[in-house]
PDB file of N, CA and C in Angstrom:
ATOM      1  N   UNK A   1      12.994  -7.884   9.551  1.00  0.00           N
ATOM      2  CA  UNK A   1      12.373  -9.076   9.395  1.00  0.00           C
ATOM      3  C   UNK A   1      13.058 -10.322   9.792  1.00  0.00           C
ATOM      4  N   UNK A   2      12.683 -11.363  10.485  1.00  0.00           N
ATOM      5  CA  UNK A   2      13.451 -12.359  10.880  1.00  0.00           C
ATOM      6  C   UNK A   2      13.627 -13.366   9.685  1.00  0.00           C
ATOM      7  N   UNK A   3      14.758 -14.172   9.889  1.00  0.00           N
ATOM      8  CA  UNK A   3      14.995 -15.216   8.864  1.00  0.00           C
ATOM      9  C   UNK A   3      13.755 -16.151   8.783  1.00  0.00           C
ATOM     10  N   UNK A   4      13.108 -16.500   9.688  1.00  0.00           N
ATOM     11  CA  UNK A   4      11.840 -17.296   9.671  1.00  0.00           C
ATOM     12  C   UNK A   4      10.918 -16.686   8.829  1.00  0.00           C
ATOM     13  N   UNK A   5      10.599 -15.545   9.059  1.00  0.00           N
ATOM     14  CA  UNK A   5       9.646 -14.790   8.240  1.00  0.00           C
ATOM     15  C   UNK A   5       9.960 -14.862   6.725  1.00  0.00           C
ATOM     16  N   UNK A   6      11.201 -14.691   6.443  1.00  0.00           N
ATOM     17  CA  UNK A   6      11.675 -14.683   4.965  1.00  0.00           C
ATOM     18  C   UNK A   6      11.673 -16.134   4.560  1.00  0.00           C
ATOM     19  N   UNK A   7      12.121 -16.905   5.068  1.00  0.00           N
ATOM     20  CA  UNK A   7      12.205 -18.404   4.762  1.00  0.00           C
ATOM     21  C   UNK A   7      10.763 -19.100   4.763  1.00  0.00           C
ATOM     22  N   UNK A   8       9.800 -18.627   5.535  1.00  0.00           N
ATOM     23  CA  UNK A   8       8.313 -19.249   5.367  1.00  0.00           C
ATOM     24  C   UNK A   8       7.596 -18.819   4.191  1.00  0.00           C
ATOM     25  N   UNK A   9       8.028 -17.918   3.468  1.00  0.00           N
ATOM     26  CA  UNK A   9       7.272 -17.537   2.279  1.00  0.00           C
ATOM     27  C   UNK A   9       7.331 -18.488   1.108  1.00  0.00           C
ATOM     28  N   UNK A  10       6.380 -18.559   0.354  1.00  0.00           N
ATOM     29  CA  UNK A  10       6.473 -19.464  -0.849  1.00  0.00           C
ATOM     30  C   UNK A  10       7.394 -18.706  -1.831  1.00  0.00           C
ATOM     31  N   UNK A  11       7.844 -19.409  -2.696  1.00  0.00           N
ATOM     32  CA  UNK A  11       8.498 -18.966  -3.768  1.00  0.00           C
ATOM     33  C   UNK A  11       7.625 -18.099  -4.737  1.00  0.00           C
ATOM     34  N   UNK A  12       8.026 -16.899  -5.255  1.00  0.00           N
ATOM     35  CA  UNK A  12       7.024 -16.142  -6.014  1.00  0.00           C
ATOM     36  C   UNK A  12       6.212 -15.260  -5.366  1.00  0.00           C
ATOM     37  N   UNK A  13       6.344 -15.189  -3.946  1.00  0.00           N
ATOM     38  CA  UNK A  13       5.581 -14.312  -3.107  1.00  0.00           C
ATOM     39  C   UNK A  13       6.187 -12.934  -3.054  1.00  0.00           C
ATOM     40  N   UNK A  14       5.412 -11.807  -2.673  1.00  0.00           N
ATOM     41  CA  UNK A  14       5.958 -10.554  -2.597  1.00  0.00           C
ATOM     42  C   UNK A  14       5.541  -9.961  -1.295  1.00  0.00           C
ATOM     43  N   UNK A  15       6.421  -9.342  -0.462  1.00  0.00           N
ATOM     44  CA  UNK A  15       5.886  -8.682   0.841  1.00  0.00           C
ATOM     45  C   UNK A  15       5.280  -7.456   0.599  1.00  0.00           C
ATOM     46  N   UNK A  16       4.130  -7.169   1.034  1.00  0.00           N
ATOM     47  CA  UNK A  16       3.275  -6.067   0.627  1.00  0.00           C
ATOM     48  C   UNK A  16       2.824  -5.293   1.842  1.00  0.00           C
ATOM     49  N   UNK A  17       2.891  -3.968   1.914  1.00  0.00           N
ATOM     50  CA  UNK A  17       2.412  -3.094   2.971  1.00  0.00           C
ATOM     51  C   UNK A  17       0.853  -2.924   2.769  1.00  0.00           C
ATOM     52  N   UNK A  18       0.254  -3.465   3.760  1.00  0.00           N
ATOM     53  CA  UNK A  18      -1.279  -3.467   3.624  1.00  0.00           C
ATOM     54  C   UNK A  18      -1.753  -1.966   3.469  1.00  0.00           C
ATOM     55  N   UNK A  19      -1.216  -1.007   4.371  1.00  0.00           N
ATOM     56  CA  UNK A  19      -1.418   0.301   4.248  1.00  0.00           C
ATOM     57  C   UNK A  19      -0.073   1.071   3.852  1.00  0.00           C
ATOM     58  N   UNK A  20      -0.042   1.620   2.628  1.00  0.00           N
ATOM     59  CA  UNK A  20       1.197   2.140   2.281  1.00  0.00           C
ATOM     60  C   UNK A  20       1.659   3.312   3.035  1.00  0.00           C
ATOM     61  N   UNK A  21       3.023   3.387   3.225  1.00  0.00           N
ATOM     62  CA  UNK A  21       3.532   4.519   3.963  1.00  0.00           C
ATOM     63  C   UNK A  21       3.095   5.887   3.509  1.00  0.00           C
ATOM     64  N   UNK A  22       2.755   6.056   2.227  1.00  0.00           N
ATOM     65  CA  UNK A  22       2.232   7.393   1.769  1.00  0.00           C
ATOM     66  C   UNK A  22       0.968   7.678   2.302  1.00  0.00           C
ATOM     67  N   UNK A  23       0.291   6.799   2.940  1.00  0.00           N
ATOM     68  CA  UNK A  23      -1.002   7.135   3.415  1.00  0.00           C
ATOM     69  C   UNK A  23      -1.239   6.809   4.916  1.00  0.00           C
ATOM     70  N   UNK A  24       0.004   6.720   5.536  1.00  0.00           N
ATOM     71  CA  UNK A  24       0.200   6.603   7.158  1.00  0.00           C
ATOM     72  C   UNK A  24       0.624   5.058   7.552  1.00  0.00           C
ATOM     73  N   UNK A  25       0.739   4.206   6.460  1.00  0.00           N
ATOM     74  CA  UNK A  25       1.142   2.982   7.122  1.00  0.00           C
ATOM     75  C   UNK A  25       2.444   2.940   7.799  1.00  0.00           C
ATOM     76  N   UNK A  26       2.557   1.982   8.626  1.00  0.00           N
ATOM     77  CA  UNK A  26       3.878   1.832   9.411  1.00  0.00           C
ATOM     78  C   UNK A  26       4.862   1.042   8.691  1.00  0.00           C
ATOM     79  N   UNK A  27       6.031   1.547   8.191  1.00  0.00           N
ATOM     80  CA  UNK A  27       7.027   0.854   7.543  1.00  0.00           C
ATOM     81  C   UNK A  27       7.743  -0.268   8.164  1.00  0.00           C
ATOM     82  N   UNK A  28       7.745  -0.470   9.430  1.00  0.00           N
ATOM     83  CA  UNK A  28       8.402  -1.556  10.043  1.00  0.00           C
ATOM     84  C   UNK A  28       7.592  -2.460  10.641  1.00  0.00           C
ATOM     85  N   UNK A  29       6.311  -2.200  10.956  1.00  0.00           N
ATOM     86  CA  UNK A  29       5.342  -3.206  11.688  1.00  0.00           C
ATOM     87  C   UNK A  29       5.038  -4.336  10.787  1.00  0.00           C
ATOM     88  N   UNK A  30       5.233  -5.609  11.344  1.00  0.00           N
ATOM     89  CA  UNK A  30       4.834  -6.777  10.548  1.00  0.00           C
ATOM     90  C   UNK A  30       3.349  -6.813  10.446  1.00  0.00           C
ATOM     91  N   UNK A  31       2.637  -6.322  11.438  1.00  0.00           N
ATOM     92  CA  UNK A  31       1.246  -6.292  11.267  1.00  0.00           C
ATOM     93  C   UNK A  31       0.757  -5.454  10.085  1.00  0.00           C
ATOM     94  N   UNK A  32       1.561  -4.580   9.379  1.00  0.00           N
ATOM     95  CA  UNK A  32       1.178  -3.869   8.269  1.00  0.00           C
ATOM     96  C   UNK A  32       1.815  -4.632   7.066  1.00  0.00           C
ATOM     97  N   UNK A  33       2.199  -5.731   7.140  1.00  0.00           N
ATOM     98  CA  UNK A  33       2.809  -6.598   6.022  1.00  0.00           C
ATOM     99  C   UNK A  33       1.974  -7.779   5.834  1.00  0.00           C
ATOM    100  N   UNK A  34       2.110  -8.310   4.521  1.00  0.00           N
ATOM    101  CA  UNK A  34       1.580  -9.539   4.221  1.00  0.00           C
ATOM    102  C   UNK A  34       2.214 -10.095   2.919  1.00  0.00           C
ATOM    103  N   UNK A  35       2.308 -11.396   2.618  1.00  0.00           N
ATOM    104  CA  UNK A  35       2.688 -11.916   1.508  1.00  0.00           C
ATOM    105  C   UNK A  35       1.698 -12.176   0.505  1.00  0.00           C
ATOM    106  N   UNK A  36       1.887 -11.552  -0.715  1.00  0.00           N
ATOM    107  CA  UNK A  36       0.933 -11.784  -1.829  1.00  0.00           C
ATOM    108  C   UNK A  36       1.544 -12.368  -2.918  1.00  0.00           C
ATOM    109  N   UNK A  37       0.739 -12.967  -3.800  1.00  0.00           N
ATOM    110  CA  UNK A  37       1.256 -13.617  -5.053  1.00  0.00           C
ATOM    111  C   UNK A  37       1.539 -12.393  -5.918  1.00  0.00           C
ATOM    112  N   UNK A  38       2.077 -12.558  -7.036  1.00  0.00           N
ATOM    113  CA  UNK A  38       2.478 -11.538  -8.078  1.00  0.00           C
ATOM    114  C   UNK A  38       1.204 -10.925  -8.431  1.00  0.00           C
ATOM    115  N   UNK A  39       0.239 -11.765  -8.788  1.00  0.00           N
ATOM    116  CA  UNK A  39      -0.969 -11.177  -9.419  1.00  0.00           C
ATOM    117  C   UNK A  39      -1.752 -10.382  -8.213  1.00  0.00           C
ATOM    118  N   UNK A  40      -1.774 -10.981  -7.081  1.00  0.00           N
ATOM    119  CA  UNK A  40      -2.486 -10.220  -5.919  1.00  0.00           C
ATOM    120  C   UNK A  40      -1.657  -8.945  -5.716  1.00  0.00           C
ATOM    121  N   UNK A  41      -0.415  -8.978  -5.920  1.00  0.00           N
ATOM    122  CA  UNK A  41       0.300  -7.721  -5.513  1.00  0.00           C
ATOM    123  C   UNK A  41      -0.053  -6.727  -6.661  1.00  0.00           C
ATOM    124  N   UNK A  42      -0.191  -7.062  -7.938  1.00  0.00           N
ATOM    125  CA  UNK A  42      -0.506  -6.042  -9.058  1.00  0.00           C
ATOM    126  C   UNK A  42      -1.798  -5.475  -8.669  1.00  0.00           C
ATOM    127  N   UNK A  43      -2.774  -6.366  -8.282  1.00  0.00           N
ATOM    128  CA  UNK A  43      -4.145  -5.832  -7.869  1.00  0.00           C
ATOM    129  C   UNK A  43      -4.198  -5.033  -6.641  1.00  0.00           C
ATOM    130  N   UNK A  44      -3.395  -5.343  -5.693  1.00  0.00           N
ATOM    131  CA  UNK A  44      -3.282  -4.244  -4.443  1.00  0.00           C
ATOM    132  C   UNK A  44      -2.578  -2.959  -4.882  1.00  0.00           C
ATOM    133  N   UNK A  45      -1.649  -3.088  -5.701  1.00  0.00           N
ATOM    134  CA  UNK A  45      -0.995  -1.772  -6.144  1.00  0.00           C
ATOM    135  C   UNK A  45      -1.916  -0.945  -7.048  1.00  0.00           C
ATOM    136  N   UNK A  46      -2.800  -1.615  -7.821  1.00  0.00           N
ATOM    137  CA  UNK A  46      -3.588  -0.804  -8.667  1.00  0.00           C
ATOM    138  C   UNK A  46      -4.751  -0.140  -7.672  1.00  0.00           C
ATOM    139  N   UNK A  47      -5.264  -0.941  -6.809  1.00  0.00           N
ATOM    140  CA  UNK A  47      -6.244  -0.408  -5.696  1.00  0.00           C
ATOM    141  C   UNK A  47      -5.731   0.753  -5.039  1.00  0.00           C
ATOM    142  N   UNK A  48      -4.335   0.768  -4.568  1.00  0.00           N
ATOM    143  CA  UNK A  48      -3.933   1.762  -3.728  1.00  0.00           C
ATOM    144  C   UNK A  48      -3.482   3.066  -4.701  1.00  0.00           C
ATOM    145  N   UNK A  49      -3.042   2.850  -5.891  1.00  0.00           N
ATOM    146  CA  UNK A  49      -2.924   3.946  -6.893  1.00  0.00           C
ATOM    147  C   UNK A  49      -4.186   4.665  -7.291  1.00  0.00           C
ATOM    148  N   UNK A  50      -5.250   3.934  -7.460  1.00  0.00           N
ATOM    149  CA  UNK A  50      -6.680   4.634  -7.667  1.00  0.00           C
ATOM    150  C   UNK A  50      -7.027   5.307  -6.403  1.00  0.00           C
ATOM    151  N   UNK A  51      -6.951   4.780  -5.290  1.00  0.00           N
ATOM    152  CA  UNK A  51      -7.373   5.321  -4.036  1.00  0.00           C
ATOM    153  C   UNK A  51      -6.619   6.559  -3.743  1.00  0.00           C
ATOM    154  N   UNK A  52      -5.285   6.639  -3.733  1.00  0.00           N
ATOM    155  CA  UNK A  52      -4.333   7.672  -3.582  1.00  0.00           C
ATOM    156  C   UNK A  52      -4.799   8.771  -4.660  1.00  0.00           C
ATOM    157  N   UNK A  53      -5.039   8.497  -5.905  1.00  0.00           N
ATOM    158  CA  UNK A  53      -5.337   9.616  -6.874  1.00  0.00           C
ATOM    159  C   UNK A  53      -6.773  10.251  -6.665  1.00  0.00           C
ATOM    160  N   UNK A  54      -7.580   9.398  -6.242  1.00  0.00           N
ATOM    161  CA  UNK A  54      -8.988   9.968  -5.843  1.00  0.00           C
ATOM    162  C   UNK A  54      -8.819  10.936  -4.651  1.00  0.00           C
ATOM    163  N   UNK A  55      -8.133  10.606  -3.670  1.00  0.00           N
ATOM    164  CA  UNK A  55      -7.793  11.517  -2.486  1.00  0.00           C
ATOM    165  C   UNK A  55      -7.063  12.899  -2.941  1.00  0.00           C
ATOM    166  N   UNK A  56      -6.196  12.672  -3.848  1.00  0.00           N
ATOM    167  CA  UNK A  56      -5.312  13.873  -4.390  1.00  0.00           C
ATOM    168  C   UNK A  56      -6.384  14.734  -5.134  1.00  0.00           C
ATOM    169  N   UNK A  57      -7.166  14.117  -5.939  1.00  0.00           N
ATOM    170  CA  UNK A  57      -8.203  14.960  -6.777  1.00  0.00           C
ATOM    171  C   UNK A  57      -9.050  15.668  -5.795  1.00  0.00           C
ATOM    172  N   UNK A  58      -9.598  14.955  -4.846  1.00  0.00           N
ATOM    173  CA  UNK A  58     -10.496  15.593  -3.913  1.00  0.00           C
ATOM    174  C   UNK A  58      -9.905  16.594  -3.079  1.00  0.00           C
ATOM    175  N   UNK A  59      -8.762  16.668  -2.737  1.00  0.00           N
ATOM    176  CA  UNK A  59      -7.850  17.510  -2.052  1.00  0.00           C
ATOM    177  C   UNK A  59      -7.675  18.719  -2.805  1.00  0.00           C
ATOM    178  N   UNK A  60      -7.343  18.596  -4.081  1.00  0.00           N
ATOM    179  CA  UNK A  60      -7.215  19.686  -4.888  1.00  0.00           C
ATOM    180  C   UNK A  60      -8.410  20.531  -5.279  1.00  0.00           C
ATOM    181  N   UNK A  61      -9.578  19.756  -5.538  1.00  0.00           N
ATOM    182  CA  UNK A  61     -10.862  20.419  -5.641  1.00  0.00           C
ATOM    183  C   UNK A  61     -11.292  21.147  -4.442  1.00  0.00           C
ATOM    184  N   UNK A  62     -10.954  20.663  -3.198  1.00  0.00           N
ATOM    185  CA  UNK A  62     -11.355  21.201  -1.976  1.00  0.00           C
ATOM    186  C   UNK A  62     -10.545  22.735  -1.883  1.00  0.00           C
ATOM    187  N   UNK A  63      -9.214  22.401  -2.102  1.00  0.00           N
ATOM    188  CA  UNK A  63      -8.259  23.617  -1.995  1.00  0.00           C
ATOM    189  C   UNK A  63      -8.732  24.811  -3.095  1.00  0.00           C
ATOM    190  N   UNK A  64      -9.188  24.259  -4.213  1.00  0.00           N
ATOM    191  CA  UNK A  64      -9.754  25.181  -5.296  1.00  0.00           C
ATOM    192  C   UNK A  64     -10.946  26.027  -4.724  1.00  0.00           C
ATOM    193  N   UNK A  65     -11.819  25.265  -4.029  1.00  0.00           N
ATOM    194  CA  UNK A  65     -13.047  25.804  -3.536  1.00  0.00           C
ATOM    195  C   UNK A  65     -12.786  26.823  -2.434  1.00  0.00           C
ATOM    196  N   UNK A  66     -11.866  26.448  -1.590  1.00  0.00           N
ATOM    197  CA  UNK A  66     -11.469  27.345  -0.504  1.00  0.00           C
ATOM    198  C   UNK A  66     -10.871  28.541  -0.927  1.00  0.00           C
ATOM    199  N   UNK A  67     -10.083  28.541  -2.197  1.00  0.00           N
ATOM    200  CA  UNK A  67      -9.429  29.645  -2.569  1.00  0.00           C
ATOM    201  C   UNK A  67     -10.323  30.697  -3.343  1.00  0.00           C
ATOM    202  N   UNK A  68     -11.719  30.261  -3.619  1.00  0.00           N
ATOM    203  CA  UNK A  68     -12.604  31.240  -4.294  1.00  0.00           C
ATOM    204  C   UNK A  68     -13.009  32.306  -3.385  1.00  0.00           C
TER     205      UNK A  68
END
């Protein structure tokens, strides 16, 4: 990340990966990153945690059905 990117953010903002690495997001692409307020960051993390949990449960259920 360039100094300009770092210095242009507002105080209290957090850099967030739009698509988490755990689900295929690019860890280095600036196109996969955005600045969020702390509250926005909390909301985005909650969203991705729920989404990933739903995907895990669906995969486990599918694996269970295939094992029958």
